[in-house]
Amino acid sequence: MCLGVPGKVLTVDGSVATVDFFGVRRDVRLDIVDEPVEPGDYVMNHVGFAIRRIPPAEVKETLALYEQLLAAISSEDLLAADIRGEIAATREKK
């Protein structure tokens, strides 16, 4: 399964942004994002590329959905397990 993960843009330097993903900071390429990105914006990231700027009106709902997935108790919830795995793998790379 392919996943996009939302994150908050902290800094922008040309076509690279430093983005916070649930407490994990990573550099993300902005080459294919759908519109200009500034610090404070939220983006949807996929394999190191921002693929979409999340409209401000959708940020709260998007983050709430991911928080629900992360809090899912069921070990059979494959999407929640995948998200947890992605976050754990990112933390291991630090």
PDB file of N, CA and C in Angstrom:
ATOM      1  N   MET A   1       0.834  -1.165   0.000  1.00  0.00           N
ATOM      2  CA  MET A   1       0.000   0.000   0.000  1.00  0.00           C
ATOM      3  C   MET A   1       0.886   1.236   0.000  1.00  0.00           C
ATOM      4  N   CYS A   2       0.499   2.244  -0.753  1.00  0.00           N
ATOM      5  CA  CYS A   2       1.214   3.514  -0.768  1.00  0.00           C
ATOM      6  C   CYS A   2       0.504   4.486   0.156  1.00  0.00           C
ATOM      7  N   LEU A   3       1.281   5.257   0.861  1.00  0.00           N
ATOM      8  CA  LEU A   3       0.735   6.174   1.837  1.00  0.00           C
ATOM      9  C   LEU A   3       1.224   7.575   1.613  1.00  0.00           C
ATOM     10  N   GLY A   4       0.368   8.525   1.855  1.00  0.00           N
ATOM     11  CA  GLY A   4       0.776   9.913   1.959  1.00  0.00           C
ATOM     12  C   GLY A   4       0.683  10.268   3.426  1.00  0.00           C
ATOM     13  N   VAL A   5       1.623  11.045   3.927  1.00  0.00           N
ATOM     14  CA  VAL A   5       1.617  11.424   5.334  1.00  0.00           C
ATOM     15  C   VAL A   5       1.609  12.944   5.423  1.00  0.00           C
ATOM     16  N   PRO A   6       0.671  13.507   6.200  1.00  0.00           N
ATOM     17  CA  PRO A   6       0.626  14.962   6.334  1.00  0.00           C
ATOM     18  C   PRO A   6       1.706  15.465   7.281  1.00  0.00           C
ATOM     19  N   GLY A   7       2.228  16.651   6.974  1.00  0.00           N
ATOM     20  CA  GLY A   7       3.226  17.253   7.846  1.00  0.00           C
ATOM     21  C   GLY A   7       3.196  18.766   7.736  1.00  0.00           C
ATOM     22  N   LYS A   8       3.713  19.417   8.771  1.00  0.00           N
ATOM     23  CA  LYS A   8       3.752  20.876   8.821  1.00  0.00           C
ATOM     24  C   LYS A   8       5.103  21.375   8.330  1.00  0.00           C
ATOM     25  N   VAL A   9       5.076  22.290   7.386  1.00  0.00           N
ATOM     26  CA  VAL A   9       6.293  22.869   6.822  1.00  0.00           C
ATOM     27  C   VAL A   9       6.908  23.820   7.853  1.00  0.00           C
ATOM     28  N   LEU A  10       8.173  23.575   8.177  1.00  0.00           N
ATOM     29  CA  LEU A  10       8.899  24.422   9.126  1.00  0.00           C
ATOM     30  C   LEU A  10       9.722  25.478   8.408  1.00  0.00           C
ATOM     31  N   THR A  11      10.452  25.046   7.367  1.00  0.00           N
ATOM     32  CA  THR A  11      11.281  25.973   6.600  1.00  0.00           C
ATOM     33  C   THR A  11      11.226  25.584   5.131  1.00  0.00           C
ATOM     34  N   VAL A  12      11.509  26.564   4.284  1.00  0.00           N
ATOM     35  CA  VAL A  12      11.598  26.312   2.841  1.00  0.00           C
ATOM     36  C   VAL A  12      12.899  26.920   2.349  1.00  0.00           C
ATOM     37  N   ASP A  13      13.670  26.116   1.616  1.00  0.00           N
ATOM     38  CA  ASP A  13      14.917  26.582   1.018  1.00  0.00           C
ATOM     39  C   ASP A  13      14.916  26.121  -0.434  1.00  0.00           C
ATOM     40  N   GLY A  14      14.473  26.995  -1.317  1.00  0.00           N
ATOM     41  CA  GLY A  14      14.374  26.638  -2.726  1.00  0.00           C
ATOM     42  C   GLY A  14      13.319  25.569  -2.931  1.00  0.00           C
ATOM     43  N   SER A  15      13.740  24.415  -3.435  1.00  0.00           N
ATOM     44  CA  SER A  15      12.785  23.342  -3.706  1.00  0.00           C
ATOM     45  C   SER A  15      12.813  22.247  -2.636  1.00  0.00           C
ATOM     46  N   VAL A  16      13.325  22.596  -1.435  1.00  0.00           N
ATOM     47  CA  VAL A  16      13.357  21.645  -0.322  1.00  0.00           C
ATOM     48  C   VAL A  16      12.743  22.304   0.908  1.00  0.00           C
ATOM     49  N   ALA A  17      11.889  21.553   1.579  1.00  0.00           N
ATOM     50  CA  ALA A  17      11.285  22.037   2.824  1.00  0.00           C
ATOM     51  C   ALA A  17      11.640  21.081   3.946  1.00  0.00           C
ATOM     52  N   THR A  18      11.823  21.624   5.136  1.00  0.00           N
ATOM     53  CA  THR A  18      11.926  20.799   6.334  1.00  0.00           C
ATOM     54  C   THR A  18      10.516  20.712   6.889  1.00  0.00           C
ATOM     55  N   VAL A  19      10.058  19.473   7.069  1.00  0.00           N
ATOM     56  CA  VAL A  19       8.669  19.233   7.449  1.00  0.00           C
ATOM     57  C   VAL A  19       8.623  18.383   8.711  1.00  0.00           C
ATOM     58  N   ASP A  20       7.692  18.723   9.611  1.00  0.00           N
ATOM     59  CA  ASP A  20       7.487  17.966  10.840  1.00  0.00           C
ATOM     60  C   ASP A  20       6.330  16.988  10.630  1.00  0.00           C
ATOM     61  N   PHE A  21       6.626  15.693  10.775  1.00  0.00           N
ATOM     62  CA  PHE A  21       5.629  14.628  10.665  1.00  0.00           C
ATOM     63  C   PHE A  21       5.439  14.004  12.036  1.00  0.00           C
ATOM     64  N   PHE A  22       4.466  14.471  12.772  1.00  0.00           N
ATOM     65  CA  PHE A  22       4.152  13.903  14.082  1.00  0.00           C
ATOM     66  C   PHE A  22       5.391  13.825  14.967  1.00  0.00           C
ATOM     67  N   GLY A  23       6.193  14.903  14.954  1.00  0.00           N
ATOM     68  CA  GLY A  23       7.379  14.965  15.796  1.00  0.00           C
ATOM     69  C   GLY A  23       8.668  14.523  15.126  1.00  0.00           C
ATOM     70  N   VAL A  24       8.589  14.031  13.908  1.00  0.00           N
ATOM     71  CA  VAL A  24       9.774  13.614  13.154  1.00  0.00           C
ATOM     72  C   VAL A  24      10.013  14.629  12.052  1.00  0.00           C
ATOM     73  N   ARG A  25      11.203  15.206  12.008  1.00  0.00           N
ATOM     74  CA  ARG A  25      11.529  16.210  10.990  1.00  0.00           C
ATOM     75  C   ARG A  25      12.314  15.582   9.846  1.00  0.00           C
ATOM     76  N   ARG A  26      11.867  15.884   8.639  1.00  0.00           N
ATOM     77  CA  ARG A  26      12.533  15.372   7.444  1.00  0.00           C
ATOM     78  C   ARG A  26      12.521  16.431   6.361  1.00  0.00           C
ATOM     79  N   ASP A  27      13.524  16.361   5.485  1.00  0.00           N
ATOM     80  CA  ASP A  27      13.540  17.215   4.298  1.00  0.00           C
ATOM     81  C   ASP A  27      12.667  16.576   3.230  1.00  0.00           C
ATOM     82  N   VAL A  28      11.889  17.405   2.560  1.00  0.00           N
ATOM     83  CA  VAL A  28      10.944  16.955   1.544  1.00  0.00           C
ATOM     84  C   VAL A  28      11.142  17.814   0.299  1.00  0.00           C
ATOM     85  N   ARG A  29      11.128  17.188  -0.846  1.00  0.00           N
ATOM     86  CA  ARG A  29      11.239  17.909  -2.119  1.00  0.00           C
ATOM     87  C   ARG A  29       9.898  18.553  -2.460  1.00  0.00           C
ATOM     88  N   LEU A  30       9.959  19.737  -3.048  1.00  0.00           N
ATOM     89  CA  LEU A  30       8.750  20.478  -3.411  1.00  0.00           C
ATOM     90  C   LEU A  30       8.534  20.531  -4.920  1.00  0.00           C
ATOM     91  N   ASP A  31       9.297  19.751  -5.673  1.00  0.00           N
ATOM     92  CA  ASP A  31       9.270  19.828  -7.133  1.00  0.00           C
ATOM     93  C   ASP A  31       7.905  19.552  -7.752  1.00  0.00           C
ATOM     94  N   ILE A  32       7.110  18.697  -7.136  1.00  0.00           N
ATOM     95  CA  ILE A  32       5.848  18.324  -7.781  1.00  0.00           C
ATOM     96  C   ILE A  32       4.605  18.764  -7.017  1.00  0.00           C
ATOM     97  N   VAL A  33       4.785  19.506  -5.933  1.00  0.00           N
ATOM     98  CA  VAL A  33       3.621  19.974  -5.162  1.00  0.00           C
ATOM     99  C   VAL A  33       2.756  20.874  -6.041  1.00  0.00           C
ATOM    100  N   ASP A  34       1.461  20.854  -5.775  1.00  0.00           N
ATOM    101  CA  ASP A  34       0.498  21.504  -6.660  1.00  0.00           C
ATOM    102  C   ASP A  34       0.429  23.025  -6.576  1.00  0.00           C
ATOM    103  N   GLU A  35       1.023  23.636  -5.544  1.00  0.00           N
ATOM    104  CA  GLU A  35       1.026  25.092  -5.429  1.00  0.00           C
ATOM    105  C   GLU A  35       2.151  25.534  -4.498  1.00  0.00           C
ATOM    106  N   PRO A  36       2.460  26.835  -4.465  1.00  0.00           N
ATOM    107  CA  PRO A  36       3.556  27.302  -3.603  1.00  0.00           C
ATOM    108  C   PRO A  36       3.331  26.927  -2.133  1.00  0.00           C
ATOM    109  N   VAL A  37       4.445  26.662  -1.443  1.00  0.00           N
ATOM    110  CA  VAL A  37       4.414  26.231  -0.048  1.00  0.00           C
ATOM    111  C   VAL A  37       5.255  27.183   0.771  1.00  0.00           C
ATOM    112  N   GLU A  38       4.745  27.542   1.951  1.00  0.00           N
ATOM    113  CA  GLU A  38       5.449  28.435   2.868  1.00  0.00           C
ATOM    114  C   GLU A  38       5.486  27.812   4.256  1.00  0.00           C
ATOM    115  N   PRO A  39       6.418  28.263   5.117  1.00  0.00           N
ATOM    116  CA  PRO A  39       6.414  27.779   6.500  1.00  0.00           C
ATOM    117  C   PRO A  39       5.035  27.989   7.126  1.00  0.00           C
ATOM    118  N   GLY A  40       4.592  26.974   7.854  1.00  0.00           N
ATOM    119  CA  GLY A  40       3.268  27.012   8.474  1.00  0.00           C
ATOM    120  C   GLY A  40       2.217  26.261   7.686  1.00  0.00           C
ATOM    121  N   ASP A  41       2.471  26.042   6.376  1.00  0.00           N
ATOM    122  CA  ASP A  41       1.553  25.254   5.556  1.00  0.00           C
ATOM    123  C   ASP A  41       1.683  23.781   5.924  1.00  0.00           C
ATOM    124  N   TYR A  42       0.684  23.012   5.538  1.00  0.00           N
ATOM    125  CA  TYR A  42       0.735  21.558   5.664  1.00  0.00           C
ATOM    126  C   TYR A  42       0.767  20.961   4.276  1.00  0.00           C
ATOM    127  N   VAL A  43       1.562  19.898   4.131  1.00  0.00           N
ATOM    128  CA  VAL A  43       1.655  19.208   2.850  1.00  0.00           C
ATOM    129  C   VAL A  43       1.411  17.718   3.063  1.00  0.00           C
ATOM    130  N   MET A  44       0.991  17.076   1.990  1.00  0.00           N
ATOM    131  CA  MET A  44       0.886  15.615   1.980  1.00  0.00           C
ATOM    132  C   MET A  44       2.164  15.121   1.325  1.00  0.00           C
ATOM    133  N   ASN A  45       2.891  14.267   2.028  1.00  0.00           N
ATOM    134  CA  ASN A  45       4.181  13.765   1.577  1.00  0.00           C
ATOM    135  C   ASN A  45       4.048  12.309   1.137  1.00  0.00           C
ATOM    136  N   HIS A  46       4.755  11.982   0.077  1.00  0.00           N
ATOM    137  CA  HIS A  46       4.854  10.589  -0.351  1.00  0.00           C
ATOM    138  C   HIS A  46       6.286  10.349  -0.817  1.00  0.00           C
ATOM    139  N   VAL A  47       6.958   9.409  -0.194  1.00  0.00           N
ATOM    140  CA  VAL A  47       8.344   9.028  -0.465  1.00  0.00           C
ATOM    141  C   VAL A  47       9.282  10.222  -0.669  1.00  0.00           C
ATOM    142  N   GLY A  48       9.177  11.195   0.219  1.00  0.00           N
ATOM    143  CA  GLY A  48      10.105  12.315   0.191  1.00  0.00           C
ATOM    144  C   GLY A  48       9.712  13.469  -0.701  1.00  0.00           C
ATOM    145  N   PHE A  49       8.533  13.404  -1.302  1.00  0.00           N
ATOM    146  CA  PHE A  49       8.046  14.485  -2.152  1.00  0.00           C
ATOM    147  C   PHE A  49       6.717  15.004  -1.629  1.00  0.00           C
ATOM    148  N   ALA A  50       6.604  16.317  -1.523  1.00  0.00           N
ATOM    149  CA  ALA A  50       5.307  16.920  -1.228  1.00  0.00           C
ATOM    150  C   ALA A  50       4.476  16.787  -2.497  1.00  0.00           C
ATOM    151  N   ILE A  51       3.334  16.128  -2.389  1.00  0.00           N
ATOM    152  CA  ILE A  51       2.509  15.913  -3.571  1.00  0.00           C
ATOM    153  C   ILE A  51       1.293  16.823  -3.589  1.00  0.00           C
ATOM    154  N   ARG A  52       1.030  17.459  -2.449  1.00  0.00           N
ATOM    155  CA  ARG A  52      -0.139  18.333  -2.380  1.00  0.00           C
ATOM    156  C   ARG A  52      -0.014  19.243  -1.175  1.00  0.00           C
ATOM    157  N   ARG A  53      -0.347  20.506  -1.347  1.00  0.00           N
ATOM    158  CA  ARG A  53      -0.488  21.414  -0.216  1.00  0.00           C
ATOM    159  C   ARG A  53      -1.895  21.193   0.311  1.00  0.00           C
ATOM    160  N   ILE A  54      -2.010  20.922   1.604  1.00  0.00           N
ATOM    161  CA  ILE A  54      -3.330  20.688   2.195  1.00  0.00           C
ATOM    162  C   ILE A  54      -3.978  22.049   2.444  1.00  0.00           C
ATOM    163  N   PRO A  55      -5.148  22.300   1.857  1.00  0.00           N
ATOM    164  CA  PRO A  55      -5.815  23.584   2.087  1.00  0.00           C
ATOM    165  C   PRO A  55      -6.063  23.803   3.581  1.00  0.00           C
ATOM    166  N   PRO A  56      -5.874  25.028   4.057  1.00  0.00           N
ATOM    167  CA  PRO A  56      -6.047  25.302   5.492  1.00  0.00           C
ATOM    168  C   PRO A  56      -7.378  24.791   6.054  1.00  0.00           C
ATOM    169  N   ALA A  57      -8.431  24.857   5.272  1.00  0.00           N
ATOM    170  CA  ALA A  57      -9.740  24.405   5.747  1.00  0.00           C
ATOM    171  C   ALA A  57      -9.795  22.890   5.959  1.00  0.00           C
ATOM    172  N   GLU A  58      -8.840  22.141   5.395  1.00  0.00           N
ATOM    173  CA  GLU A  58      -8.838  20.681   5.500  1.00  0.00           C
ATOM    174  C   GLU A  58      -7.798  20.141   6.484  1.00  0.00           C
ATOM    175  N   VAL A  59      -6.935  21.004   7.008  1.00  0.00           N
ATOM    176  CA  VAL A  59      -5.826  20.542   7.858  1.00  0.00           C
ATOM    177  C   VAL A  59      -6.333  19.832   9.106  1.00  0.00           C
ATOM    178  N   LYS A  60      -7.245  20.469   9.848  1.00  0.00           N
ATOM    179  CA  LYS A  60      -7.723  19.860  11.093  1.00  0.00           C
ATOM    180  C   LYS A  60      -8.336  18.490  10.848  1.00  0.00           C
ATOM    181  N   GLU A  61      -9.169  18.383   9.826  1.00  0.00           N
ATOM    182  CA  GLU A  61      -9.823  17.113   9.522  1.00  0.00           C
ATOM    183  C   GLU A  61      -8.802  16.048   9.112  1.00  0.00           C
ATOM    184  N   THR A  62      -7.843  16.438   8.285  1.00  0.00           N
ATOM    185  CA  THR A  62      -6.814  15.490   7.837  1.00  0.00           C
ATOM    186  C   THR A  62      -5.997  14.979   9.013  1.00  0.00           C
ATOM    187  N   LEU A  63      -5.539  15.879   9.876  1.00  0.00           N
ATOM    188  CA  LEU A  63      -4.738  15.468  11.033  1.00  0.00           C
ATOM    189  C   LEU A  63      -5.560  14.615  11.992  1.00  0.00           C
ATOM    190  N   ALA A  64      -6.829  14.940  12.163  1.00  0.00           N
ATOM    191  CA  ALA A  64      -7.693  14.158  13.048  1.00  0.00           C
ATOM    192  C   ALA A  64      -7.842  12.725  12.535  1.00  0.00           C
ATOM    193  N   LEU A  65      -7.963  12.568  11.226  1.00  0.00           N
ATOM    194  CA  LEU A  65      -8.069  11.228  10.655  1.00  0.00           C
ATOM    195  C   LEU A  65      -6.804  10.413  10.908  1.00  0.00           C
ATOM    196  N   TYR A  66      -5.648  11.040  10.746  1.00  0.00           N
ATOM    197  CA  TYR A  66      -4.395  10.324  10.986  1.00  0.00           C
ATOM    198  C   TYR A  66      -4.224   9.998  12.465  1.00  0.00           C
ATOM    199  N   GLU A  67      -4.637  10.903  13.341  1.00  0.00           N
ATOM    200  CA  GLU A  67      -4.559  10.627  14.779  1.00  0.00           C
ATOM    201  C   GLU A  67      -5.454   9.438  15.131  1.00  0.00           C
ATOM    202  N   GLN A  68      -6.632   9.358  14.512  1.00  0.00           N
ATOM    203  CA  GLN A  68      -7.517   8.214  14.752  1.00  0.00           C
ATOM    204  C   GLN A  68      -6.855   6.921  14.286  1.00  0.00           C
ATOM    205  N   LEU A  69      -6.216   6.978  13.138  1.00  0.00           N
ATOM    206  CA  LEU A  69      -5.535   5.784  12.636  1.00  0.00           C
ATOM    207  C   LEU A  69      -4.418   5.350  13.570  1.00  0.00           C
ATOM    208  N   LEU A  70      -3.656   6.316  14.057  1.00  0.00           N
ATOM    209  CA  LEU A  70      -2.538   5.999  14.941  1.00  0.00           C
ATOM    210  C   LEU A  70      -3.008   5.467  16.290  1.00  0.00           C
ATOM    211  N   ALA A  71      -4.190   5.887  16.704  1.00  0.00           N
ATOM    212  CA  ALA A  71      -4.714   5.461  17.997  1.00  0.00           C
ATOM    213  C   ALA A  71      -5.519   4.163  17.902  1.00  0.00           C
ATOM    214  N   ALA A  72      -5.707   3.670  16.694  1.00  0.00           N
ATOM    215  CA  ALA A  72      -6.504   2.452  16.518  1.00  0.00           C
ATOM    216  C   ALA A  72      -5.929   1.330  17.370  1.00  0.00           C
ATOM    217  N   ILE A  73      -6.785   0.674  18.103  1.00  0.00           N
ATOM    218  CA  ILE A  73      -6.349  -0.376  19.019  1.00  0.00           C
ATOM    219  C   ILE A  73      -6.140  -1.705  18.299  1.00  0.00           C
ATOM    220  N   SER A  74      -6.950  -1.970  17.316  1.00  0.00           N
ATOM    221  CA  SER A  74      -6.929  -3.264  16.650  1.00  0.00           C
ATOM    222  C   SER A  74      -5.602  -3.513  15.944  1.00  0.00           C
ATOM    223  N   SER A  75      -4.990  -4.638  16.230  1.00  0.00           N
ATOM    224  CA  SER A  75      -3.761  -5.003  15.531  1.00  0.00           C
ATOM    225  C   SER A  75      -4.054  -5.463  14.112  1.00  0.00           C
ATOM    226  N   GLU A  76      -5.340  -5.655  13.807  1.00  0.00           N
ATOM    227  CA  GLU A  76      -5.739  -6.081  12.472  1.00  0.00           C
ATOM    228  C   GLU A  76      -5.988  -4.901  11.537  1.00  0.00           C
ATOM    229  N   ASP A  77      -5.897  -3.699  12.049  1.00  0.00           N
ATOM    230  CA  ASP A  77      -6.106  -2.509  11.229  1.00  0.00           C
ATOM    231  C   ASP A  77      -4.841  -2.282  10.407  1.00  0.00           C
ATOM    232  N   LEU A  78      -4.849  -2.732   9.169  1.00  0.00           N
ATOM    233  CA  LEU A  78      -3.646  -2.713   8.337  1.00  0.00           C
ATOM    234  C   LEU A  78      -3.166  -1.302   8.018  1.00  0.00           C
ATOM    235  N   LEU A  79      -4.088  -0.359   7.799  1.00  0.00           N
ATOM    236  CA  LEU A  79      -3.666   1.008   7.493  1.00  0.00           C
ATOM    237  C   LEU A  79      -2.975   1.633   8.697  1.00  0.00           C
ATOM    238  N   ALA A  80      -3.541   1.460   9.887  1.00  0.00           N
ATOM    239  CA  ALA A  80      -2.911   2.000  11.096  1.00  0.00           C
ATOM    240  C   ALA A  80      -1.546   1.354  11.309  1.00  0.00           C
ATOM    241  N   ALA A  81      -1.447   0.057  11.089  1.00  0.00           N
ATOM    242  CA  ALA A  81      -0.165  -0.631  11.244  1.00  0.00           C
ATOM    243  C   ALA A  81       0.850  -0.103  10.238  1.00  0.00           C
ATOM    244  N   ASP A  82       0.410   0.179   9.023  1.00  0.00           N
ATOM    245  CA  ASP A  82       1.306   0.700   7.993  1.00  0.00           C
ATOM    246  C   ASP A  82       1.817   2.091   8.372  1.00  0.00           C
ATOM    247  N   ILE A  83       0.922   2.938   8.863  1.00  0.00           N
ATOM    248  CA  ILE A  83       1.327   4.285   9.276  1.00  0.00           C
ATOM    249  C   ILE A  83       2.323   4.195  10.430  1.00  0.00           C
ATOM    250  N   ARG A  84       2.013   3.363  11.425  1.00  0.00           N
ATOM    251  CA  ARG A  84       2.950   3.195  12.543  1.00  0.00           C
ATOM    252  C   ARG A  84       4.311   2.711  12.046  1.00  0.00           C
ATOM    253  N   GLY A  85       4.297   1.787  11.102  1.00  0.00           N
ATOM    254  CA  GLY A  85       5.549   1.281  10.534  1.00  0.00           C
ATOM    255  C   GLY A  85       6.340   2.348   9.816  1.00  0.00           C
ATOM    256  N   GLU A  86       5.656   3.191   9.056  1.00  0.00           N
ATOM    257  CA  GLU A  86       6.332   4.276   8.351  1.00  0.00           C
ATOM    258  C   GLU A  86       6.972   5.251   9.342  1.00  0.00           C
ATOM    259  N   ILE A  87       6.237   5.604  10.387  1.00  0.00           N
ATOM    260  CA  ILE A  87       6.765   6.536  11.388  1.00  0.00           C
ATOM    261  C   ILE A  87       7.945   5.895  12.110  1.00  0.00           C
ATOM    262  N   ALA A  88       7.828   4.627  12.490  1.00  0.00           N
ATOM    263  CA  ALA A  88       8.932   3.932  13.171  1.00  0.00           C
ATOM    264  C   ALA A  88      10.162   3.858  12.269  1.00  0.00           C
ATOM    265  N   ALA A  89       9.975   3.558  10.997  1.00  0.00           N
ATOM    266  CA  ALA A  89      11.109   3.472  10.064  1.00  0.00           C
ATOM    267  C   ALA A  89      11.782   4.819   9.909  1.00  0.00           C
ATOM    268  N   THR A  90      10.999   5.869   9.867  1.00  0.00           N
ATOM    269  CA  THR A  90      11.558   7.216   9.743  1.00  0.00           C
ATOM    270  C   THR A  90      12.394   7.562  10.974  1.00  0.00           C
ATOM    271  N   ARG A  91      11.913   7.205  12.140  1.00  0.00           N
ATOM    272  CA  ARG A  91      12.648   7.486  13.372  1.00  0.00           C
ATOM    273  C   ARG A  91      13.953   6.694  13.429  1.00  0.00           C
ATOM    274  N   GLU A  92      13.947   5.480  12.889  1.00  0.00           N
ATOM    275  CA  GLU A  92      15.149   4.637  12.894  1.00  0.00           C
ATOM    276  C   GLU A  92      16.237   5.213  11.991  1.00  0.00           C
ATOM    277  N   LYS A  93      15.863   5.951  10.957  1.00  0.00           N
ATOM    278  CA  LYS A  93      16.820   6.514   9.991  1.00  0.00           C
ATOM    279  C   LYS A  93      17.582   7.702  10.561  1.00  0.00           C
ATOM    280  N   LYS A  94      17.097   8.285  11.647  1.00  0.00           N
ATOM    281  CA  LYS A  94      17.723   9.490  12.215  1.00  0.00           C
ATOM    282  C   LYS A  94      19.133   9.285  12.570  1.00  0.00           C
TER     283      LYS A  94
END
